[in-house]
Amino acid sequence: MESQKLYVAWVMLFVVSIPLAFDLVPPNGLYGFRIASTLANPETWRRGNIFAGWAFMAAAVIGGAITHFFPEVTETWGSLLLVGIVFVAVAASFVYVKLIS
């Protein structure tokens, strides 16, 4: 994957995470960290989405830094890097929601 496309993906991930991190997204059926436990409880929704927002923002910053400082990794493993870092953020969010619910 080209570095430029990967930068766009990191920026998009960061931007869509901002409303979650700052608790601007009420429970809904379209946008947010939507799993059974977050949809069932407004407080779990709030806390889970705040955590997920910050986790995705951190993933975007870490991914952007790797893309910038290690371009050879990006050229070889760009798509896997994107999927892997997002997977870690999603997994962390699942674990967090499991712990608070």
PDB file of N, CA and C in Angstrom:
ATOM      1  N   MET A   1       0.863  -1.184   0.000  1.00  0.00           N
ATOM      2  CA  MET A   1       0.000   0.000   0.000  1.00  0.00           C
ATOM      3  C   MET A   1       0.896   1.230   0.000  1.00  0.00           C
ATOM      4  N   GLU A   2       0.561   2.185  -0.842  1.00  0.00           N
ATOM      5  CA  GLU A   2       1.341   3.417  -0.905  1.00  0.00           C
ATOM      6  C   GLU A   2       1.223   4.204   0.396  1.00  0.00           C
ATOM      7  N   SER A   3       2.319   4.873   0.758  1.00  0.00           N
ATOM      8  CA  SER A   3       2.321   5.665   1.991  1.00  0.00           C
ATOM      9  C   SER A   3       1.232   6.733   1.977  1.00  0.00           C
ATOM     10  N   GLN A   4       1.027   7.369   0.843  1.00  0.00           N
ATOM     11  CA  GLN A   4       0.039   8.439   0.756  1.00  0.00           C
ATOM     12  C   GLN A   4      -1.365   7.923   1.082  1.00  0.00           C
ATOM     13  N   LYS A   5      -1.722   6.772   0.560  1.00  0.00           N
ATOM     14  CA  LYS A   5      -3.036   6.188   0.844  1.00  0.00           C
ATOM     15  C   LYS A   5      -3.150   5.809   2.322  1.00  0.00           C
ATOM     16  N   LEU A   6      -2.055   5.336   2.875  1.00  0.00           N
ATOM     17  CA  LEU A   6      -2.067   4.960   4.283  1.00  0.00           C
ATOM     18  C   LEU A   6      -2.215   6.188   5.174  1.00  0.00           C
ATOM     19  N   TYR A   7      -1.555   7.284   4.813  1.00  0.00           N
ATOM     20  CA  TYR A   7      -1.732   8.534   5.566  1.00  0.00           C
ATOM     21  C   TYR A   7      -3.196   8.970   5.559  1.00  0.00           C
ATOM     22  N   VAL A   8      -3.839   8.864   4.406  1.00  0.00           N
ATOM     23  CA  VAL A   8      -5.258   9.223   4.302  1.00  0.00           C
ATOM     24  C   VAL A   8      -6.088   8.342   5.233  1.00  0.00           C
ATOM     25  N   ALA A   9      -5.780   7.058   5.273  1.00  0.00           N
ATOM     26  CA  ALA A   9      -6.517   6.142   6.160  1.00  0.00           C
ATOM     27  C   ALA A   9      -6.315   6.520   7.623  1.00  0.00           C
ATOM     28  N   TRP A  10      -5.093   6.863   8.013  1.00  0.00           N
ATOM     29  CA  TRP A  10      -4.838   7.246   9.411  1.00  0.00           C
ATOM     30  C   TRP A  10      -5.574   8.525   9.771  1.00  0.00           C
ATOM     31  N   VAL A  11      -5.555   9.487   8.875  1.00  0.00           N
ATOM     32  CA  VAL A  11      -6.255  10.754   9.145  1.00  0.00           C
ATOM     33  C   VAL A  11      -7.761  10.519   9.248  1.00  0.00           C
ATOM     34  N   MET A  12      -8.312   9.716   8.348  1.00  0.00           N
ATOM     35  CA  MET A  12      -9.747   9.431   8.400  1.00  0.00           C
ATOM     36  C   MET A  12     -10.110   8.717   9.696  1.00  0.00           C
ATOM     37  N   LEU A  13      -9.306   7.748  10.109  1.00  0.00           N
ATOM     38  CA  LEU A  13      -9.558   7.043  11.360  1.00  0.00           C
ATOM     39  C   LEU A  13      -9.526   8.014  12.536  1.00  0.00           C
ATOM     40  N   PHE A  14      -8.554   8.896  12.548  1.00  0.00           N
ATOM     41  CA  PHE A  14      -8.440   9.877  13.625  1.00  0.00           C
ATOM     42  C   PHE A  14      -9.669  10.786  13.663  1.00  0.00           C
ATOM     43  N   VAL A  15     -10.067  11.292  12.516  1.00  0.00           N
ATOM     44  CA  VAL A  15     -11.183  12.246  12.447  1.00  0.00           C
ATOM     45  C   VAL A  15     -12.504  11.606  12.878  1.00  0.00           C
ATOM     46  N   VAL A  16     -12.778  10.382  12.410  1.00  0.00           N
ATOM     47  CA  VAL A  16     -14.057   9.766  12.796  1.00  0.00           C
ATOM     48  C   VAL A  16     -14.062   9.333  14.258  1.00  0.00           C
ATOM     49  N   SER A  17     -12.900   9.259  14.881  1.00  0.00           N
ATOM     50  CA  SER A  17     -12.807   8.886  16.296  1.00  0.00           C
ATOM     51  C   SER A  17     -13.027  10.060  17.241  1.00  0.00           C
ATOM     52  N   ILE A  18     -12.838  11.273  16.766  1.00  0.00           N
ATOM     53  CA  ILE A  18     -12.949  12.460  17.628  1.00  0.00           C
ATOM     54  C   ILE A  18     -14.313  12.559  18.315  1.00  0.00           C
ATOM     55  N   PRO A  19     -15.431  12.449  17.586  1.00  0.00           N
ATOM     56  CA  PRO A  19     -16.730  12.550  18.270  1.00  0.00           C
ATOM     57  C   PRO A  19     -16.938  11.460  19.327  1.00  0.00           C
ATOM     58  N   LEU A  20     -16.379  10.288  19.106  1.00  0.00           N
ATOM     59  CA  LEU A  20     -16.503   9.215  20.095  1.00  0.00           C
ATOM     60  C   LEU A  20     -15.699   9.550  21.346  1.00  0.00           C
ATOM     61  N   ALA A  21     -14.474   9.963  21.155  1.00  0.00           N
ATOM     62  CA  ALA A  21     -13.584  10.256  22.283  1.00  0.00           C
ATOM     63  C   ALA A  21     -14.112  11.383  23.158  1.00  0.00           C
ATOM     64  N   PHE A  22     -14.816  12.326  22.552  1.00  0.00           N
ATOM     65  CA  PHE A  22     -15.316  13.476  23.303  1.00  0.00           C
ATOM     66  C   PHE A  22     -16.799  13.359  23.662  1.00  0.00           C
ATOM     67  N   ASP A  23     -17.306  12.133  23.637  1.00  0.00           N
ATOM     68  CA  ASP A  23     -18.668  11.828  24.090  1.00  0.00           C
ATOM     69  C   ASP A  23     -19.730  12.660  23.376  1.00  0.00           C
ATOM     70  N   LEU A  24     -19.590  12.780  22.065  1.00  0.00           N
ATOM     71  CA  LEU A  24     -20.531  13.567  21.279  1.00  0.00           C
ATOM     72  C   LEU A  24     -21.545  12.710  20.528  1.00  0.00           C
ATOM     73  N   VAL A  25     -21.439  11.382  20.668  1.00  0.00           N
ATOM     74  CA  VAL A  25     -22.304  10.482  19.912  1.00  0.00           C
ATOM     75  C   VAL A  25     -23.246   9.759  20.874  1.00  0.00           C
ATOM     76  N   PRO A  26     -24.537  10.071  20.805  1.00  0.00           N
ATOM     77  CA  PRO A  26     -25.492   9.362  21.658  1.00  0.00           C
ATOM     78  C   PRO A  26     -25.722   7.945  21.122  1.00  0.00           C
ATOM     79  N   PRO A  27     -26.292   7.078  21.942  1.00  0.00           N
ATOM     80  CA  PRO A  27     -26.602   5.732  21.442  1.00  0.00           C
ATOM     81  C   PRO A  27     -27.444   5.803  20.167  1.00  0.00           C
ATOM     82  N   ASN A  28     -27.040   5.053  19.177  1.00  0.00           N
ATOM     83  CA  ASN A  28     -27.741   5.050  17.895  1.00  0.00           C
ATOM     84  C   ASN A  28     -27.438   3.751  17.175  1.00  0.00           C
ATOM     85  N   GLY A  29     -28.061   3.551  16.046  1.00  0.00           N
ATOM     86  CA  GLY A  29     -27.885   2.313  15.292  1.00  0.00           C
ATOM     87  C   GLY A  29     -26.892   2.388  14.161  1.00  0.00           C
ATOM     88  N   LEU A  30     -26.195   3.518  14.005  1.00  0.00           N
ATOM     89  CA  LEU A  30     -25.318   3.673  12.851  1.00  0.00           C
ATOM     90  C   LEU A  30     -23.845   3.924  13.170  1.00  0.00           C
ATOM     91  N   TYR A  31     -23.555   4.671  14.210  1.00  0.00           N
ATOM     92  CA  TYR A  31     -22.190   5.152  14.411  1.00  0.00           C
ATOM     93  C   TYR A  31     -21.775   4.996  15.863  1.00  0.00           C
ATOM     94  N   GLY A  32     -20.637   4.383  16.073  1.00  0.00           N
ATOM     95  CA  GLY A  32     -20.127   4.192  17.414  1.00  0.00           C
ATOM     96  C   GLY A  32     -19.662   2.761  17.608  1.00  0.00           C
ATOM     97  N   PHE A  33     -19.190   2.468  18.807  1.00  0.00           N
ATOM     98  CA  PHE A  33     -18.775   1.114  19.151  1.00  0.00           C
ATOM     99  C   PHE A  33     -20.028   0.364  19.567  1.00  0.00           C
ATOM    100  N   ARG A  34     -20.689  -0.237  18.574  1.00  0.00           N
ATOM    101  CA  ARG A  34     -22.018  -0.806  18.742  1.00  0.00           C
ATOM    102  C   ARG A  34     -21.937  -2.310  18.926  1.00  0.00           C
ATOM    103  N   ILE A  35     -21.986  -2.736  20.172  1.00  0.00           N
ATOM    104  CA  ILE A  35     -22.083  -4.152  20.496  1.00  0.00           C
ATOM    105  C   ILE A  35     -23.244  -4.300  21.469  1.00  0.00           C
ATOM    106  N   ALA A  36     -23.639  -5.518  21.743  1.00  0.00           N
ATOM    107  CA  ALA A  36     -24.839  -5.749  22.553  1.00  0.00           C
ATOM    108  C   ALA A  36     -24.786  -5.006  23.886  1.00  0.00           C
ATOM    109  N   SER A  37     -23.672  -5.063  24.585  1.00  0.00           N
ATOM    110  CA  SER A  37     -23.611  -4.440  25.916  1.00  0.00           C
ATOM    111  C   SER A  37     -23.623  -2.918  25.849  1.00  0.00           C
ATOM    112  N   THR A  38     -23.069  -2.313  24.808  1.00  0.00           N
ATOM    113  CA  THR A  38     -23.122  -0.854  24.718  1.00  0.00           C
ATOM    114  C   THR A  38     -24.507  -0.385  24.295  1.00  0.00           C
ATOM    115  N   LEU A  39     -25.168  -1.162  23.469  1.00  0.00           N
ATOM    116  CA  LEU A  39     -26.514  -0.792  23.036  1.00  0.00           C
ATOM    117  C   LEU A  39     -27.551  -1.000  24.136  1.00  0.00           C
ATOM    118  N   ALA A  40     -27.246  -1.878  25.076  1.00  0.00           N
ATOM    119  CA  ALA A  40     -28.205  -2.192  26.140  1.00  0.00           C
ATOM    120  C   ALA A  40     -28.182  -1.201  27.298  1.00  0.00           C
ATOM    121  N   ASN A  41     -27.094  -0.458  27.455  1.00  0.00           N
ATOM    122  CA  ASN A  41     -26.944   0.401  28.624  1.00  0.00           C
ATOM    123  C   ASN A  41     -26.322   1.738  28.211  1.00  0.00           C
ATOM    124  N   PRO A  42     -27.023   2.849  28.410  1.00  0.00           N
ATOM    125  CA  PRO A  42     -26.494   4.156  27.990  1.00  0.00           C
ATOM    126  C   PRO A  42     -25.145   4.515  28.642  1.00  0.00           C
ATOM    127  N   GLU A  43     -24.932   4.123  29.895  1.00  0.00           N
ATOM    128  CA  GLU A  43     -23.655   4.438  30.553  1.00  0.00           C
ATOM    129  C   GLU A  43     -22.520   3.592  29.967  1.00  0.00           C
ATOM    130  N   THR A  44     -22.812   2.344  29.660  1.00  0.00           N
ATOM    131  CA  THR A  44     -21.809   1.493  29.008  1.00  0.00           C
ATOM    132  C   THR A  44     -21.515   2.026  27.611  1.00  0.00           C
ATOM    133  N   TRP A  45     -22.557   2.482  26.926  1.00  0.00           N
ATOM    134  CA  TRP A  45     -22.364   3.107  25.612  1.00  0.00           C
ATOM    135  C   TRP A  45     -21.404   4.286  25.728  1.00  0.00           C
ATOM    136  N   ARG A  46     -21.683   5.169  26.674  1.00  0.00           N
ATOM    137  CA  ARG A  46     -20.880   6.372  26.834  1.00  0.00           C
ATOM    138  C   ARG A  46     -19.420   6.025  27.131  1.00  0.00           C
ATOM    139  N   ARG A  47     -19.197   5.212  28.143  1.00  0.00           N
ATOM    140  CA  ARG A  47     -17.827   4.880  28.547  1.00  0.00           C
ATOM    141  C   ARG A  47     -17.109   4.055  27.488  1.00  0.00           C
ATOM    142  N   GLY A  48     -17.811   3.106  26.882  1.00  0.00           N
ATOM    143  CA  GLY A  48     -17.206   2.265  25.857  1.00  0.00           C
ATOM    144  C   GLY A  48     -16.817   3.045  24.617  1.00  0.00           C
ATOM    145  N   ASN A  49     -17.672   3.971  24.216  1.00  0.00           N
ATOM    146  CA  ASN A  49     -17.373   4.765  23.031  1.00  0.00           C
ATOM    147  C   ASN A  49     -16.279   5.791  23.280  1.00  0.00           C
ATOM    148  N   ILE A  50     -16.228   6.337  24.476  1.00  0.00           N
ATOM    149  CA  ILE A  50     -15.119   7.237  24.807  1.00  0.00           C
ATOM    150  C   ILE A  50     -13.800   6.463  24.727  1.00  0.00           C
ATOM    151  N   PHE A  51     -13.768   5.291  25.339  1.00  0.00           N
ATOM    152  CA  PHE A  51     -12.546   4.482  25.289  1.00  0.00           C
ATOM    153  C   PHE A  51     -12.197   4.124  23.848  1.00  0.00           C
ATOM    154  N   ALA A  52     -13.192   3.635  23.088  1.00  0.00           N
ATOM    155  CA  ALA A  52     -12.937   3.239  21.698  1.00  0.00           C
ATOM    156  C   ALA A  52     -12.437   4.422  20.880  1.00  0.00           C
ATOM    157  N   GLY A  53     -13.027   5.596  21.092  1.00  0.00           N
ATOM    158  CA  GLY A  53     -12.573   6.784  20.367  1.00  0.00           C
ATOM    159  C   GLY A  53     -11.108   7.081  20.624  1.00  0.00           C
ATOM    160  N   TRP A  54     -10.722   7.058  21.900  1.00  0.00           N
ATOM    161  CA  TRP A  54      -9.310   7.312  22.234  1.00  0.00           C
ATOM    162  C   TRP A  54      -8.414   6.188  21.716  1.00  0.00           C
ATOM    163  N   ALA A  55      -8.892   4.945  21.761  1.00  0.00           N
ATOM    164  CA  ALA A  55      -8.094   3.826  21.249  1.00  0.00           C
ATOM    165  C   ALA A  55      -7.860   3.967  19.745  1.00  0.00           C
ATOM    166  N   PHE A  56      -8.897   4.356  19.014  1.00  0.00           N
ATOM    167  CA  PHE A  56      -8.746   4.535  17.567  1.00  0.00           C
ATOM    168  C   PHE A  56      -7.873   5.749  17.237  1.00  0.00           C
ATOM    169  N   MET A  57      -8.002   6.805  18.031  1.00  0.00           N
ATOM    170  CA  MET A  57      -7.133   7.963  17.819  1.00  0.00           C
ATOM    171  C   MET A  57      -5.672   7.593  18.068  1.00  0.00           C
ATOM    172  N   ALA A  58      -5.416   6.831  19.130  1.00  0.00           N
ATOM    173  CA  ALA A  58      -4.051   6.377  19.417  1.00  0.00           C
ATOM    174  C   ALA A  58      -3.541   5.485  18.287  1.00  0.00           C
ATOM    175  N   ALA A  59      -4.404   4.597  17.798  1.00  0.00           N
ATOM    176  CA  ALA A  59      -4.017   3.719  16.689  1.00  0.00           C
ATOM    177  C   ALA A  59      -3.635   4.536  15.459  1.00  0.00           C
ATOM    178  N   ALA A  60      -4.408   5.581  15.190  1.00  0.00           N
ATOM    179  CA  ALA A  60      -4.119   6.431  14.032  1.00  0.00           C
ATOM    180  C   ALA A  60      -2.783   7.157  14.191  1.00  0.00           C
ATOM    181  N   VAL A  61      -2.506   7.651  15.384  1.00  0.00           N
ATOM    182  CA  VAL A  61      -1.240   8.357  15.623  1.00  0.00           C
ATOM    183  C   VAL A  61      -0.062   7.376  15.527  1.00  0.00           C
ATOM    184  N   ILE A  62      -0.192   6.220  16.135  1.00  0.00           N
ATOM    185  CA  ILE A  62       0.873   5.215  16.078  1.00  0.00           C
ATOM    186  C   ILE A  62       1.089   4.746  14.645  1.00  0.00           C
ATOM    187  N   GLY A  63      -0.004   4.482  13.941  1.00  0.00           N
ATOM    188  CA  GLY A  63       0.102   4.071  12.542  1.00  0.00           C
ATOM    189  C   GLY A  63       0.731   5.146  11.678  1.00  0.00           C
ATOM    190  N   GLY A  64       0.339   6.395  11.904  1.00  0.00           N
ATOM    191  CA  GLY A  64       0.938   7.498  11.153  1.00  0.00           C
ATOM    192  C   GLY A  64       2.422   7.631  11.432  1.00  0.00           C
ATOM    193  N   ALA A  65       2.809   7.439  12.680  1.00  0.00           N
ATOM    194  CA  ALA A  65       4.228   7.526  13.038  1.00  0.00           C
ATOM    195  C   ALA A  65       5.028   6.394  12.382  1.00  0.00           C
ATOM    196  N   ILE A  66       4.474   5.186  12.411  1.00  0.00           N
ATOM    197  CA  ILE A  66       5.165   4.066  11.751  1.00  0.00           C
ATOM    198  C   ILE A  66       5.293   4.333  10.261  1.00  0.00           C
ATOM    199  N   THR A  67       4.207   4.817   9.664  1.00  0.00           N
ATOM    200  CA  THR A  67       4.219   5.126   8.233  1.00  0.00           C
ATOM    201  C   THR A  67       5.276   6.176   7.913  1.00  0.00           C
ATOM    202  N   HIS A  68       5.403   7.172   8.762  1.00  0.00           N
ATOM    203  CA  HIS A  68       6.359   8.254   8.527  1.00  0.00           C
ATOM    204  C   HIS A  68       7.812   7.827   8.766  1.00  0.00           C
ATOM    205  N   PHE A  69       8.042   7.176   9.911  1.00  0.00           N
ATOM    206  CA  PHE A  69       9.411   6.878  10.304  1.00  0.00           C
ATOM    207  C   PHE A  69       9.963   5.563   9.740  1.00  0.00           C
ATOM    208  N   PHE A  70       9.091   4.691   9.295  1.00  0.00           N
ATOM    209  CA  PHE A  70       9.519   3.407   8.743  1.00  0.00           C
ATOM    210  C   PHE A  70       8.852   3.157   7.392  1.00  0.00           C
ATOM    211  N   PRO A  71       9.176   3.955   6.381  1.00  0.00           N
ATOM    212  CA  PRO A  71       8.505   3.811   5.081  1.00  0.00           C
ATOM    213  C   PRO A  71       8.716   2.441   4.433  1.00  0.00           C
ATOM    214  N   GLU A  72       9.832   1.795   4.745  1.00  0.00           N
ATOM    215  CA  GLU A  72      10.062   0.464   4.161  1.00  0.00           C
ATOM    216  C   GLU A  72       9.061  -0.558   4.709  1.00  0.00           C
ATOM    217  N   VAL A  73       8.656  -0.386   5.963  1.00  0.00           N
ATOM    218  CA  VAL A  73       7.629  -1.261   6.544  1.00  0.00           C
ATOM    219  C   VAL A  73       6.296  -1.000   5.850  1.00  0.00           C
ATOM    220  N   THR A  74       6.013   0.266   5.618  1.00  0.00           N
ATOM    221  CA  THR A  74       4.761   0.645   4.966  1.00  0.00           C
ATOM    222  C   THR A  74       4.671   0.070   3.559  1.00  0.00           C
ATOM    223  N   GLU A  75       5.760   0.140   2.821  1.00  0.00           N
ATOM    224  CA  GLU A  75       5.735  -0.354   1.440  1.00  0.00           C
ATOM    225  C   GLU A  75       5.519  -1.870   1.392  1.00  0.00           C
ATOM    226  N   THR A  76       6.074  -2.570   2.368  1.00  0.00           N
ATOM    227  CA  THR A  76       5.964  -4.024   2.369  1.00  0.00           C
ATOM    228  C   THR A  76       4.698  -4.517   3.053  1.00  0.00           C
ATOM    229  N   TRP A  77       4.348  -3.895   4.176  1.00  0.00           N
ATOM    230  CA  TRP A  77       3.288  -4.408   5.032  1.00  0.00           C
ATOM    231  C   TRP A  77       2.153  -3.413   5.261  1.00  0.00           C
ATOM    232  N   GLY A  78       1.989  -2.417   4.410  1.00  0.00           N
ATOM    233  CA  GLY A  78       1.035  -1.332   4.624  1.00  0.00           C
ATOM    234  C   GLY A  78      -0.374  -1.766   4.976  1.00  0.00           C
ATOM    235  N   SER A  79      -0.965  -2.632   4.171  1.00  0.00           N
ATOM    236  CA  SER A  79      -2.340  -3.067   4.427  1.00  0.00           C
ATOM    237  C   SER A  79      -2.430  -3.871   5.717  1.00  0.00           C
ATOM    238  N   LEU A  80      -1.467  -4.753   5.933  1.00  0.00           N
ATOM    239  CA  LEU A  80      -1.458  -5.556   7.150  1.00  0.00           C
ATOM    240  C   LEU A  80      -1.232  -4.666   8.378  1.00  0.00           C
ATOM    241  N   LEU A  81      -0.404  -3.650   8.229  1.00  0.00           N
ATOM    242  CA  LEU A  81      -0.176  -2.693   9.313  1.00  0.00           C
ATOM    243  C   LEU A  81      -1.489  -2.011   9.693  1.00  0.00           C
ATOM    244  N   LEU A  82      -2.219  -1.550   8.706  1.00  0.00           N
ATOM    245  CA  LEU A  82      -3.500  -0.887   8.952  1.00  0.00           C
ATOM    246  C   LEU A  82      -4.475  -1.830   9.657  1.00  0.00           C
ATOM    247  N   VAL A  83      -4.644  -3.002   9.125  1.00  0.00           N
ATOM    248  CA  VAL A  83      -5.574  -3.970   9.710  1.00  0.00           C
ATOM    249  C   VAL A  83      -5.124  -4.369  11.113  1.00  0.00           C
ATOM    250  N   GLY A  84      -3.837  -4.595  11.293  1.00  0.00           N
ATOM    251  CA  GLY A  84      -3.320  -5.020  12.591  1.00  0.00           C
ATOM    252  C   GLY A  84      -3.503  -3.976  13.678  1.00  0.00           C
ATOM    253  N   ILE A  85      -3.191  -2.731  13.374  1.00  0.00           N
ATOM    254  CA  ILE A  85      -3.314  -1.675  14.377  1.00  0.00           C
ATOM    255  C   ILE A  85      -4.783  -1.418  14.707  1.00  0.00           C
ATOM    256  N   VAL A  86      -5.643  -1.424  13.716  1.00  0.00           N
ATOM    257  CA  VAL A  86      -7.078  -1.239  13.978  1.00  0.00           C
ATOM    258  C   VAL A  86      -7.615  -2.425  14.778  1.00  0.00           C
ATOM    259  N   PHE A  87      -7.149  -3.627  14.478  1.00  0.00           N
ATOM    260  CA  PHE A  87      -7.572  -4.811  15.233  1.00  0.00           C
ATOM    261  C   PHE A  87      -7.214  -4.677  16.715  1.00  0.00           C
ATOM    262  N   VAL A  88      -6.021  -4.193  17.008  1.00  0.00           N
ATOM    263  CA  VAL A  88      -5.604  -4.014  18.406  1.00  0.00           C
ATOM    264  C   VAL A  88      -6.530  -3.017  19.112  1.00  0.00           C
ATOM    265  N   ALA A  89      -6.878  -1.919  18.436  1.00  0.00           N
ATOM    266  CA  ALA A  89      -7.781  -0.926  19.031  1.00  0.00           C
ATOM    267  C   ALA A  89      -9.166  -1.519  19.277  1.00  0.00           C
ATOM    268  N   VAL A  90      -9.667  -2.293  18.332  1.00  0.00           N
ATOM    269  CA  VAL A  90     -10.975  -2.935  18.494  1.00  0.00           C
ATOM    270  C   VAL A  90     -10.926  -3.949  19.631  1.00  0.00           C
ATOM    271  N   ALA A  91      -9.886  -4.764  19.668  1.00  0.00           N
ATOM    272  CA  ALA A  91      -9.757  -5.765  20.734  1.00  0.00           C
ATOM    273  C   ALA A  91      -9.680  -5.105  22.102  1.00  0.00           C
ATOM    274  N   ALA A  92      -8.899  -4.037  22.209  1.00  0.00           N
ATOM    275  CA  ALA A  92      -8.800  -3.313  23.488  1.00  0.00           C
ATOM    276  C   ALA A  92     -10.151  -2.762  23.894  1.00  0.00           C
ATOM    277  N   SER A  93     -10.914  -2.273  22.937  1.00  0.00           N
ATOM    278  CA  SER A  93     -12.241  -1.726  23.233  1.00  0.00           C
ATOM    279  C   SER A  93     -13.197  -2.814  23.710  1.00  0.00           C
ATOM    280  N   PHE A  94     -13.141  -3.986  23.087  1.00  0.00           N
ATOM    281  CA  PHE A  94     -13.962  -5.119  23.537  1.00  0.00           C
ATOM    282  C   PHE A  94     -13.599  -5.498  24.972  1.00  0.00           C
ATOM    283  N   VAL A  95     -12.316  -5.577  25.260  1.00  0.00           N
ATOM    284  CA  VAL A  95     -11.876  -5.943  26.613  1.00  0.00           C
ATOM    285  C   VAL A  95     -12.349  -4.901  27.625  1.00  0.00           C
ATOM    286  N   TYR A  96     -12.195  -3.626  27.286  1.00  0.00           N
ATOM    287  CA  TYR A  96     -12.629  -2.563  28.191  1.00  0.00           C
ATOM    288  C   TYR A  96     -14.127  -2.658  28.469  1.00  0.00           C
ATOM    289  N   VAL A  97     -14.928  -2.795  27.432  1.00  0.00           N
ATOM    290  CA  VAL A  97     -16.380  -2.879  27.622  1.00  0.00           C
ATOM    291  C   VAL A  97     -16.740  -4.113  28.441  1.00  0.00           C
ATOM    292  N   LYS A  98     -16.060  -5.216  28.223  1.00  0.00           N
ATOM    293  CA  LYS A  98     -16.308  -6.424  29.007  1.00  0.00           C
ATOM    294  C   LYS A  98     -16.000  -6.159  30.492  1.00  0.00           C
ATOM    295  N   LEU A  99     -14.951  -5.411  30.768  1.00  0.00           N
ATOM    296  CA  LEU A  99     -14.574  -5.113  32.151  1.00  0.00           C
ATOM    297  C   LEU A  99     -15.553  -4.173  32.854  1.00  0.00           C
ATOM    298  N   ILE A 100     -16.153  -3.255  32.103  1.00  0.00           N
ATOM    299  CA  ILE A 100     -17.048  -2.274  32.747  1.00  0.00           C
ATOM    300  C   ILE A 100     -18.500  -2.717  32.782  1.00  0.00           C
ATOM    301  N   SER A 101     -18.843  -3.761  32.030  1.00  0.00           N
ATOM    302  CA  SER A 101     -20.257  -4.167  32.016  1.00  0.00           C
ATOM    303  C   SER A 101     -20.513  -5.388  32.858  1.00  0.00           C
TER     304      SER A 101
END
